[in-house]
């Protein structure tokens, strides 16, 4: 189940996961034609940026075709994969495919900091968001040991995450082209916490009900301990995917057009 918790970050994750960074960094990047009801803010107006980022995240639930943003309900990720470590309590190979994050767009942005007018050095944009309830569904394949107990199976997995808090630290650099500055992503770090994760997995131990119920109970009771080992790897994979997405998104948006003129 731990694995699930992290998987969800891996998305939390989700992506985990993940897209609030895109919106909080880019809500203002739509320049003169923001999708309704989103509007631009003055530079340094964090309250306004938080409000607009939250609006854009909600709008993304149905997608924004004019900005090439697909529907995020659910937010889909092709694959999340982790390998076991024999020296750890969680020693499993886990592959999650056709991963779907539900209620991701129900998150609210709680903070955006780091934008600067000095483009001679990299900017570190720190974004925070809170999601009261998120569900992750995926096809899974697992093999290994959890707290010395063997676990094996392949089937469907559902993870329910309560009160997911995420912090995204995105380092971006400016590149000058034709008198304008365009942003590129240098690095993304994702950190997540959750109050509770509950996991269900079908067809563990080839459908053995007794063994399945026993291992799921262990996983759910020990999710926090196991999460400490899985979260960094899952978040790293998510950050890599998000970095590619943001790089493509920034490519033709001049930083000079991000904010209202003063």
C-alpha atoms as a PDB file:
ATOM      1  CA  UNK A   1       0.000   0.000   0.000  1.00  0.00           C
ATOM      2  CA  UNK A   2       2.881   2.238   0.720  1.00  0.00           C
ATOM      3  CA  UNK A   3       3.864   1.668  -2.751  1.00  0.00           C
ATOM      4  CA  UNK A   4       0.533   3.022  -3.623  1.00  0.00           C
ATOM      5  CA  UNK A   5       0.974   6.067  -1.546  1.00  0.00           C
ATOM      6  CA  UNK A   6       4.100   6.909  -3.389  1.00  0.00           C
ATOM      7  CA  UNK A   7       2.677   5.955  -6.621  1.00  0.00           C
ATOM      8  CA  UNK A   8       0.044   8.387  -6.112  1.00  0.00           C
ATOM      9  CA  UNK A   9       2.655  11.046  -5.441  1.00  0.00           C
ATOM     10  CA  UNK A  10       4.118   9.815  -8.417  1.00  0.00           C
ATOM     11  CA  UNK A  11       1.747  11.542  -9.461  1.00  0.00           C
ATOM     12  CA  UNK A  12       0.740  13.128  -6.538  1.00  0.00           C
ATOM     13  CA  UNK A  13       0.831  12.770  -7.039  1.00  0.00           C
ATOM     14  CA  UNK A  14      -0.794  13.403  -8.176  1.00  0.00           C
ATOM     15  CA  UNK A  15       1.973  14.268 -11.288  1.00  0.00           C
ATOM     16  CA  UNK A  16       0.765  13.974  -8.231  1.00  0.00           C
ATOM     17  CA  UNK A  17       0.049  14.064  -9.154  1.00  0.00           C
ATOM     18  CA  UNK A  18       1.205  16.853 -10.266  1.00  0.00           C
ATOM     19  CA  UNK A  19       0.066  19.690 -12.611  1.00  0.00           C
ATOM     20  CA  UNK A  20      -0.480  22.385 -10.082  1.00  0.00           C
ATOM     21  CA  UNK A  21       3.065  23.461 -10.779  1.00  0.00           C
ATOM     22  CA  UNK A  22       2.187  23.792 -14.422  1.00  0.00           C
ATOM     23  CA  UNK A  23      -0.766  25.953 -13.632  1.00  0.00           C
ATOM     24  CA  UNK A  24       0.717  28.004 -10.868  1.00  0.00           C
ATOM     25  CA  UNK A  25       3.700  28.802 -13.021  1.00  0.00           C
ATOM     26  CA  UNK A  26       1.713  29.320 -16.161  1.00  0.00           C
ATOM     27  CA  UNK A  27      -1.656  30.708 -15.295  1.00  0.00           C
ATOM     28  CA  UNK A  28      -0.159  34.058 -16.133  1.00  0.00           C
ATOM     29  CA  UNK A  29       1.535  32.784 -19.255  1.00  0.00           C
ATOM     30  CA  UNK A  30      -1.578  32.939 -21.333  1.00  0.00           C
ATOM     31  CA  UNK A  31      -0.977  36.645 -21.886  1.00  0.00           C
ATOM     32  CA  UNK A  32      -3.836  38.523 -23.505  1.00  0.00           C
ATOM     33  CA  UNK A  33      -6.227  35.640 -24.012  1.00  0.00           C
ATOM     34  CA  UNK A  34      -6.593  33.788 -20.729  1.00  0.00           C
ATOM     35  CA  UNK A  35      -9.311  31.146 -20.784  1.00  0.00           C
ATOM     36  CA  UNK A  36     -12.320  32.492 -18.884  1.00  0.00           C
ATOM     37  CA  UNK A  37     -12.581  33.188 -15.984  1.00  0.00           C
ATOM     38  CA  UNK A  38      -8.784  33.464 -15.550  1.00  0.00           C
ATOM     39  CA  UNK A  39      -7.164  36.918 -15.656  1.00  0.00           C
ATOM     40  CA  UNK A  40      -3.589  38.227 -15.372  1.00  0.00           C
ATOM     41  CA  UNK A  41      -2.152  39.718 -12.176  1.00  0.00           C
ATOM     42  CA  UNK A  42       0.349  42.405 -11.335  1.00  0.00           C
ATOM     43  CA  UNK A  43       3.892  41.265 -10.624  1.00  0.00           C
ATOM     44  CA  UNK A  44       4.308  40.239  -6.975  1.00  0.00           C
ATOM     45  CA  UNK A  45       0.565  39.959  -6.260  1.00  0.00           C
ATOM     46  CA  UNK A  46       0.629  36.478  -4.717  1.00  0.00           C
ATOM     47  CA  UNK A  47      -3.003  36.579  -3.613  1.00  0.00           C
ATOM     48  CA  UNK A  48      -4.121  37.220  -7.182  1.00  0.00           C
ATOM     49  CA  UNK A  49      -1.805  34.545  -8.581  1.00  0.00           C
ATOM     50  CA  UNK A  50      -3.133  31.971  -6.123  1.00  0.00           C
ATOM     51  CA  UNK A  51      -6.714  32.817  -7.064  1.00  0.00           C
ATOM     52  CA  UNK A  52      -6.050  32.581 -10.807  1.00  0.00           C
ATOM     53  CA  UNK A  53      -3.980  29.388 -10.516  1.00  0.00           C
ATOM     54  CA  UNK A  54      -6.818  27.728  -8.604  1.00  0.00           C
ATOM     55  CA  UNK A  55      -9.340  28.871 -11.225  1.00  0.00           C
ATOM     56  CA  UNK A  56      -7.198  27.482 -14.030  1.00  0.00           C
ATOM     57  CA  UNK A  57      -6.761  24.176 -12.248  1.00  0.00           C
ATOM     58  CA  UNK A  58     -10.527  23.845 -11.890  1.00  0.00           C
ATOM     59  CA  UNK A  59     -11.056  24.744 -15.550  1.00  0.00           C
ATOM     60  CA  UNK A  60      -8.567  22.067 -16.556  1.00  0.00           C
ATOM     61  CA  UNK A  61     -11.006  19.446 -15.273  1.00  0.00           C
ATOM     62  CA  UNK A  62     -12.709  19.638 -18.671  1.00  0.00           C
ATOM     63  CA  UNK A  63      -9.609  20.634 -20.617  1.00  0.00           C
ATOM     64  CA  UNK A  64      -8.556  23.832 -22.400  1.00  0.00           C
ATOM     65  CA  UNK A  65      -8.370  22.947 -26.117  1.00  0.00           C
ATOM     66  CA  UNK A  66      -7.213  26.398 -27.194  1.00  0.00           C
ATOM     67  CA  UNK A  67      -4.116  25.954 -25.014  1.00  0.00           C
ATOM     68  CA  UNK A  68      -3.586  22.279 -25.896  1.00  0.00           C
ATOM     69  CA  UNK A  69      -4.355  21.250 -22.316  1.00  0.00           C
ATOM     70  CA  UNK A  70      -6.272  17.944 -22.172  1.00  0.00           C
ATOM     71  CA  UNK A  71      -8.896  17.120 -19.584  1.00  0.00           C
ATOM     72  CA  UNK A  72      -7.332  16.333 -16.214  1.00  0.00           C
ATOM     73  CA  UNK A  73     -10.309  14.364 -14.957  1.00  0.00           C
ATOM     74  CA  UNK A  74      -8.825  11.910 -14.782  1.00  0.00           C
ATOM     75  CA  UNK A  75      -5.172  12.900 -15.172  1.00  0.00           C
ATOM     76  CA  UNK A  76      -3.491  10.015 -17.012  1.00  0.00           C
ATOM     77  CA  UNK A  77       0.060   8.689 -16.721  1.00  0.00           C
ATOM     78  CA  UNK A  78       1.261   5.790 -18.863  1.00  0.00           C
ATOM     79  CA  UNK A  79       3.515   4.030 -16.336  1.00  0.00           C
ATOM     80  CA  UNK A  80       5.085   4.300 -12.889  1.00  0.00           C
ATOM     81  CA  UNK A  81       7.773   1.787 -12.000  1.00  0.00           C
ATOM     82  CA  UNK A  82       9.857   1.144  -8.886  1.00  0.00           C
ATOM     83  CA  UNK A  83      12.466  -1.507  -8.081  1.00  0.00           C
ATOM     84  CA  UNK A  84      12.936  -3.238  -4.741  1.00  0.00           C
ATOM     85  CA  UNK A  85      15.831  -2.756  -2.336  1.00  0.00           C
ATOM     86  CA  UNK A  86      16.851  -5.797  -0.306  1.00  0.00           C
ATOM     87  CA  UNK A  87      18.160  -3.601   2.504  1.00  0.00           C
ATOM     88  CA  UNK A  88      14.786  -1.896   3.005  1.00  0.00           C
ATOM     89  CA  UNK A  89      11.508  -2.895   4.642  1.00  0.00           C
ATOM     90  CA  UNK A  90       9.872  -2.424   1.266  1.00  0.00           C
ATOM     91  CA  UNK A  91      11.584  -4.740  -1.192  1.00  0.00           C
ATOM     92  CA  UNK A  92       9.220  -5.024  -4.126  1.00  0.00           C
ATOM     93  CA  UNK A  93       9.275  -4.530  -7.855  1.00  0.00           C
ATOM     94  CA  UNK A  94       6.110  -2.594  -8.682  1.00  0.00           C
ATOM     95  CA  UNK A  95       4.871  -1.570 -12.101  1.00  0.00           C
ATOM     96  CA  UNK A  96       1.746   0.551 -12.428  1.00  0.00           C
ATOM     97  CA  UNK A  97       0.367   1.103 -15.923  1.00  0.00           C
ATOM     98  CA  UNK A  98      -2.590   3.081 -17.290  1.00  0.00           C
ATOM     99  CA  UNK A  99      -2.479   5.199 -14.157  1.00  0.00           C
ATOM    100  CA  UNK A 100      -5.394   7.584 -13.589  1.00  0.00           C
ATOM    101  CA  UNK A 101      -5.618  10.305 -10.935  1.00  0.00           C
ATOM    102  CA  UNK A 102      -9.113  11.385  -9.941  1.00  0.00           C
ATOM    103  CA  UNK A 103     -10.081  14.655  -8.191  1.00  0.00           C
ATOM    104  CA  UNK A 104      -6.660  16.151  -8.878  1.00  0.00           C
ATOM    105  CA  UNK A 105      -8.297  19.349 -10.071  1.00  0.00           C
ATOM    106  CA  UNK A 106     -10.105  19.665  -6.733  1.00  0.00           C
ATOM    107  CA  UNK A 107      -6.836  20.869  -5.209  1.00  0.00           C
ATOM    108  CA  UNK A 108      -6.469  24.460  -4.064  1.00  0.00           C
ATOM    109  CA  UNK A 109      -3.277  26.482  -4.452  1.00  0.00           C
ATOM    110  CA  UNK A 110      -2.007  27.747  -1.097  1.00  0.00           C
ATOM    111  CA  UNK A 111       1.179  29.546  -2.114  1.00  0.00           C
ATOM    112  CA  UNK A 112       3.266  30.794  -5.055  1.00  0.00           C
ATOM    113  CA  UNK A 113       6.643  32.459  -4.541  1.00  0.00           C
ATOM    114  CA  UNK A 114       9.845  33.057  -6.469  1.00  0.00           C
ATOM    115  CA  UNK A 115       9.039  35.089  -9.584  1.00  0.00           C
ATOM    116  CA  UNK A 116      11.660  37.769 -10.185  1.00  0.00           C
ATOM    117  CA  UNK A 117      12.434  40.541 -12.656  1.00  0.00           C
ATOM    118  CA  UNK A 118      16.120  39.621 -12.631  1.00  0.00           C
ATOM    119  CA  UNK A 119      16.441  37.121 -15.482  1.00  0.00           C
ATOM    120  CA  UNK A 120      20.241  36.993 -15.355  1.00  0.00           C
ATOM    121  CA  UNK A 121      20.128  34.031 -12.971  1.00  0.00           C
ATOM    122  CA  UNK A 122      17.824  31.020 -12.483  1.00  0.00           C
ATOM    123  CA  UNK A 123      14.539  31.485 -10.633  1.00  0.00           C
ATOM    124  CA  UNK A 124      13.251  29.047  -8.030  1.00  0.00           C
ATOM    125  CA  UNK A 125       9.467  29.001  -8.052  1.00  0.00           C
ATOM    126  CA  UNK A 126       7.926  27.346  -4.989  1.00  0.00           C
ATOM    127  CA  UNK A 127       4.290  26.323  -5.278  1.00  0.00           C
ATOM    128  CA  UNK A 128       2.122  24.664  -2.639  1.00  0.00           C
ATOM    129  CA  UNK A 129      -1.258  23.027  -3.003  1.00  0.00           C
ATOM    130  CA  UNK A 130      -3.687  21.047  -0.880  1.00  0.00           C
ATOM    131  CA  UNK A 131      -6.065  18.332  -2.043  1.00  0.00           C
ATOM    132  CA  UNK A 132      -8.583  16.987   0.508  1.00  0.00           C
ATOM    133  CA  UNK A 133      -9.258  13.748  -1.321  1.00  0.00           C
ATOM    134  CA  UNK A 134      -7.658  12.036  -4.300  1.00  0.00           C
ATOM    135  CA  UNK A 135      -8.025   8.577  -5.844  1.00  0.00           C
ATOM    136  CA  UNK A 136      -5.499   6.733  -8.002  1.00  0.00           C
ATOM    137  CA  UNK A 137      -6.426   3.770 -10.173  1.00  0.00           C
ATOM    138  CA  UNK A 138      -4.044   1.635 -12.204  1.00  0.00           C
ATOM    139  CA  UNK A 139      -3.206  -1.811 -13.477  1.00  0.00           C
ATOM    140  CA  UNK A 140      -0.410  -3.189 -11.286  1.00  0.00           C
ATOM    141  CA  UNK A 141       2.163  -5.959 -11.217  1.00  0.00           C
ATOM    142  CA  UNK A 142       4.013  -6.554  -7.945  1.00  0.00           C
ATOM    143  CA  UNK A 143       6.614  -9.046  -6.741  1.00  0.00           C
ATOM    144  CA  UNK A 144       8.784  -8.966  -3.615  1.00  0.00           C
ATOM    145  CA  UNK A 145       8.523  -8.574   0.143  1.00  0.00           C
ATOM    146  CA  UNK A 146       6.881  -6.066   2.448  1.00  0.00           C
ATOM    147  CA  UNK A 147       8.154  -6.157   6.039  1.00  0.00           C
ATOM    148  CA  UNK A 148       9.557  -9.645   5.299  1.00  0.00           C
ATOM    149  CA  UNK A 149       6.160 -10.834   4.051  1.00  0.00           C
ATOM    150  CA  UNK A 150       6.077 -12.054   0.438  1.00  0.00           C
ATOM    151  CA  UNK A 151       3.686 -10.362  -1.978  1.00  0.00           C
ATOM    152  CA  UNK A 152       2.970 -11.187  -5.599  1.00  0.00           C
ATOM    153  CA  UNK A 153       0.148 -10.427  -7.969  1.00  0.00           C
ATOM    154  CA  UNK A 154      -1.165  -8.660 -11.044  1.00  0.00           C
ATOM    155  CA  UNK A 155      -4.502  -6.937 -11.322  1.00  0.00           C
ATOM    156  CA  UNK A 156      -6.228  -3.634 -10.563  1.00  0.00           C
ATOM    157  CA  UNK A 157      -5.156  -1.221  -7.840  1.00  0.00           C
ATOM    158  CA  UNK A 158      -7.079   1.610  -6.190  1.00  0.00           C
ATOM    159  CA  UNK A 159      -5.507   4.076  -3.755  1.00  0.00           C
ATOM    160  CA  UNK A 160      -7.476   6.638  -1.786  1.00  0.00           C
ATOM    161  CA  UNK A 161      -5.435   9.539  -0.384  1.00  0.00           C
ATOM    162  CA  UNK A 162      -6.688  11.963   2.241  1.00  0.00           C
ATOM    163  CA  UNK A 163      -5.467  15.543   2.718  1.00  0.00           C
ATOM    164  CA  UNK A 164      -2.619  15.530   0.219  1.00  0.00           C
ATOM    165  CA  UNK A 165      -0.192  18.431   0.638  1.00  0.00           C
ATOM    166  CA  UNK A 166       2.373  19.054  -2.090  1.00  0.00           C
ATOM    167  CA  UNK A 167       5.325  21.410  -2.536  1.00  0.00           C
ATOM    168  CA  UNK A 168       6.872  21.937  -5.963  1.00  0.00           C
ATOM    169  CA  UNK A 169      10.243  23.647  -6.307  1.00  0.00           C
ATOM    170  CA  UNK A 170      10.893  24.448  -9.951  1.00  0.00           C
ATOM    171  CA  UNK A 171      14.158  25.976 -11.154  1.00  0.00           C
ATOM    172  CA  UNK A 172      13.740  27.825 -14.439  1.00  0.00           C
ATOM    173  CA  UNK A 173      16.178  29.736 -16.623  1.00  0.00           C
ATOM    174  CA  UNK A 174      15.619  32.516 -19.139  1.00  0.00           C
ATOM    175  CA  UNK A 175      16.912  32.318 -22.698  1.00  0.00           C
ATOM    176  CA  UNK A 176      16.854  35.420 -24.896  1.00  0.00           C
ATOM    177  CA  UNK A 177      15.496  35.132 -28.430  1.00  0.00           C
ATOM    178  CA  UNK A 178      14.680  38.040 -30.712  1.00  0.00           C
ATOM    179  CA  UNK A 179      14.696  40.518 -27.853  1.00  0.00           C
ATOM    180  CA  UNK A 180      12.351  38.437 -25.667  1.00  0.00           C
ATOM    181  CA  UNK A 181      13.030  36.052 -22.797  1.00  0.00           C
ATOM    182  CA  UNK A 182      11.696  32.497 -22.847  1.00  0.00           C
ATOM    183  CA  UNK A 183      11.752  30.182 -19.851  1.00  0.00           C
ATOM    184  CA  UNK A 184      13.142  26.654 -19.767  1.00  0.00           C
ATOM    185  CA  UNK A 185      12.903  24.167 -16.900  1.00  0.00           C
ATOM    186  CA  UNK A 186      16.226  23.249 -15.327  1.00  0.00           C
ATOM    187  CA  UNK A 187      14.997  21.098 -12.442  1.00  0.00           C
ATOM    188  CA  UNK A 188      11.827  20.149 -10.552  1.00  0.00           C
ATOM    189  CA  UNK A 189      11.655  18.759  -7.028  1.00  0.00           C
ATOM    190  CA  UNK A 190       8.386  17.448  -5.615  1.00  0.00           C
ATOM    191  CA  UNK A 191       7.688  16.824  -1.928  1.00  0.00           C
ATOM    192  CA  UNK A 192       4.407  15.401  -0.669  1.00  0.00           C
ATOM    193  CA  UNK A 193       2.663  14.416   2.533  1.00  0.00           C
ATOM    194  CA  UNK A 194      -0.670  12.736   3.170  1.00  0.00           C
ATOM    195  CA  UNK A 195      -2.791  12.074   6.253  1.00  0.00           C
ATOM    196  CA  UNK A 196      -3.948   8.637   5.215  1.00  0.00           C
ATOM    197  CA  UNK A 197      -3.716   6.214   2.285  1.00  0.00           C
ATOM    198  CA  UNK A 198      -5.967   3.207   1.821  1.00  0.00           C
ATOM    199  CA  UNK A 199      -5.146   0.651  -0.860  1.00  0.00           C
ATOM    200  CA  UNK A 200      -7.084  -2.126  -2.532  1.00  0.00           C
ATOM    201  CA  UNK A 201      -5.552  -4.603  -4.999  1.00  0.00           C
ATOM    202  CA  UNK A 202      -7.363  -7.342  -6.903  1.00  0.00           C
ATOM    203  CA  UNK A 203      -5.883 -10.753  -7.710  1.00  0.00           C
ATOM    204  CA  UNK A 204      -3.047 -10.782  -5.181  1.00  0.00           C
ATOM    205  CA  UNK A 205      -1.598 -14.282  -4.793  1.00  0.00           C
ATOM    206  CA  UNK A 206      -3.633 -15.390  -7.827  1.00  0.00           C
ATOM    207  CA  UNK A 207      -6.872 -14.477  -6.080  1.00  0.00           C
ATOM    208  CA  UNK A 208      -6.214 -16.190  -2.731  1.00  0.00           C
ATOM    209  CA  UNK A 209      -8.643 -14.265  -0.504  1.00  0.00           C
ATOM    210  CA  UNK A 210      -7.040 -15.084   2.841  1.00  0.00           C
ATOM    211  CA  UNK A 211      -3.512 -14.147   1.761  1.00  0.00           C
ATOM    212  CA  UNK A 212      -4.758 -11.060  -0.068  1.00  0.00           C
ATOM    213  CA  UNK A 213      -6.644  -9.704   2.926  1.00  0.00           C
ATOM    214  CA  UNK A 214      -3.672 -10.335   5.210  1.00  0.00           C
ATOM    215  CA  UNK A 215      -1.091  -8.523   3.069  1.00  0.00           C
ATOM    216  CA  UNK A 216      -3.444  -5.608   2.344  1.00  0.00           C
ATOM    217  CA  UNK A 217      -4.011  -5.190   6.076  1.00  0.00           C
ATOM    218  CA  UNK A 218      -0.250  -5.065   6.641  1.00  0.00           C
ATOM    219  CA  UNK A 219       0.235  -2.601   3.805  1.00  0.00           C
ATOM    220  CA  UNK A 220      -2.508  -0.287   5.002  1.00  0.00           C
ATOM    221  CA  UNK A 221      -1.375  -0.374   8.614  1.00  0.00           C
ATOM    222  CA  UNK A 222       2.238   0.402   7.662  1.00  0.00           C
ATOM    223  CA  UNK A 223       1.735   2.820   4.788  1.00  0.00           C
ATOM    224  CA  UNK A 224       3.557   5.687   6.489  1.00  0.00           C
ATOM    225  CA  UNK A 225       6.708   3.694   7.208  1.00  0.00           C
ATOM    226  CA  UNK A 226       6.801   2.301   3.709  1.00  0.00           C
ATOM    227  CA  UNK A 227       6.074   5.664   2.153  1.00  0.00           C
ATOM    228  CA  UNK A 228       9.345   7.058   3.428  1.00  0.00           C
ATOM    229  CA  UNK A 229      11.160   4.627   1.172  1.00  0.00           C
ATOM    230  CA  UNK A 230       8.983   4.879  -1.936  1.00  0.00           C
ATOM    231  CA  UNK A 231       8.087   8.557  -2.119  1.00  0.00           C
ATOM    232  CA  UNK A 232      11.488   9.903  -3.253  1.00  0.00           C
ATOM    233  CA  UNK A 233      11.693   7.478  -6.171  1.00  0.00           C
ATOM    234  CA  UNK A 234       8.114   8.056  -7.254  1.00  0.00           C
ATOM    235  CA  UNK A 235       8.370  11.819  -6.990  1.00  0.00           C
ATOM    236  CA  UNK A 236      11.616  11.792  -8.964  1.00  0.00           C
ATOM    237  CA  UNK A 237       9.919   9.947 -11.822  1.00  0.00           C
ATOM    238  CA  UNK A 238       6.983  12.349 -11.714  1.00  0.00           C
ATOM    239  CA  UNK A 239       9.260  15.382 -11.679  1.00  0.00           C
ATOM    240  CA  UNK A 240      11.038  14.133 -14.803  1.00  0.00           C
ATOM    241  CA  UNK A 241       7.760  13.817 -16.692  1.00  0.00           C
ATOM    242  CA  UNK A 242       6.579  17.210 -15.492  1.00  0.00           C
ATOM    243  CA  UNK A 243       9.885  18.792 -16.504  1.00  0.00           C
ATOM    244  CA  UNK A 244       9.375  17.671 -20.087  1.00  0.00           C
ATOM    245  CA  UNK A 245       5.812  18.945 -20.090  1.00  0.00           C
ATOM    246  CA  UNK A 246       6.749  22.376 -18.767  1.00  0.00           C
ATOM    247  CA  UNK A 247       9.680  22.705 -21.152  1.00  0.00           C
ATOM    248  CA  UNK A 248       7.355  22.194 -24.106  1.00  0.00           C
ATOM    249  CA  UNK A 249       4.806  24.579 -22.629  1.00  0.00           C
ATOM    250  CA  UNK A 250       7.286  27.415 -22.060  1.00  0.00           C
ATOM    251  CA  UNK A 251       8.897  27.252 -25.466  1.00  0.00           C
ATOM    252  CA  UNK A 252       6.921  30.036 -27.204  1.00  0.00           C
ATOM    253  CA  UNK A 253       5.678  32.194 -24.286  1.00  0.00           C
ATOM    254  CA  UNK A 254       7.696  35.387 -23.655  1.00  0.00           C
ATOM    255  CA  UNK A 255       8.235  36.058 -19.957  1.00  0.00           C
ATOM    256  CA  UNK A 256       7.633  39.756 -20.661  1.00  0.00           C
ATOM    257  CA  UNK A 257       3.951  38.911 -21.330  1.00  0.00           C
ATOM    258  CA  UNK A 258       3.305  37.013 -18.104  1.00  0.00           C
ATOM    259  CA  UNK A 259       2.033  39.904 -15.968  1.00  0.00           C
ATOM    260  CA  UNK A 260      -0.033  43.062 -16.185  1.00  0.00           C
ATOM    261  CA  UNK A 261       2.022  46.157 -16.905  1.00  0.00           C
ATOM    262  CA  UNK A 262       2.566  48.401 -13.920  1.00  0.00           C
END
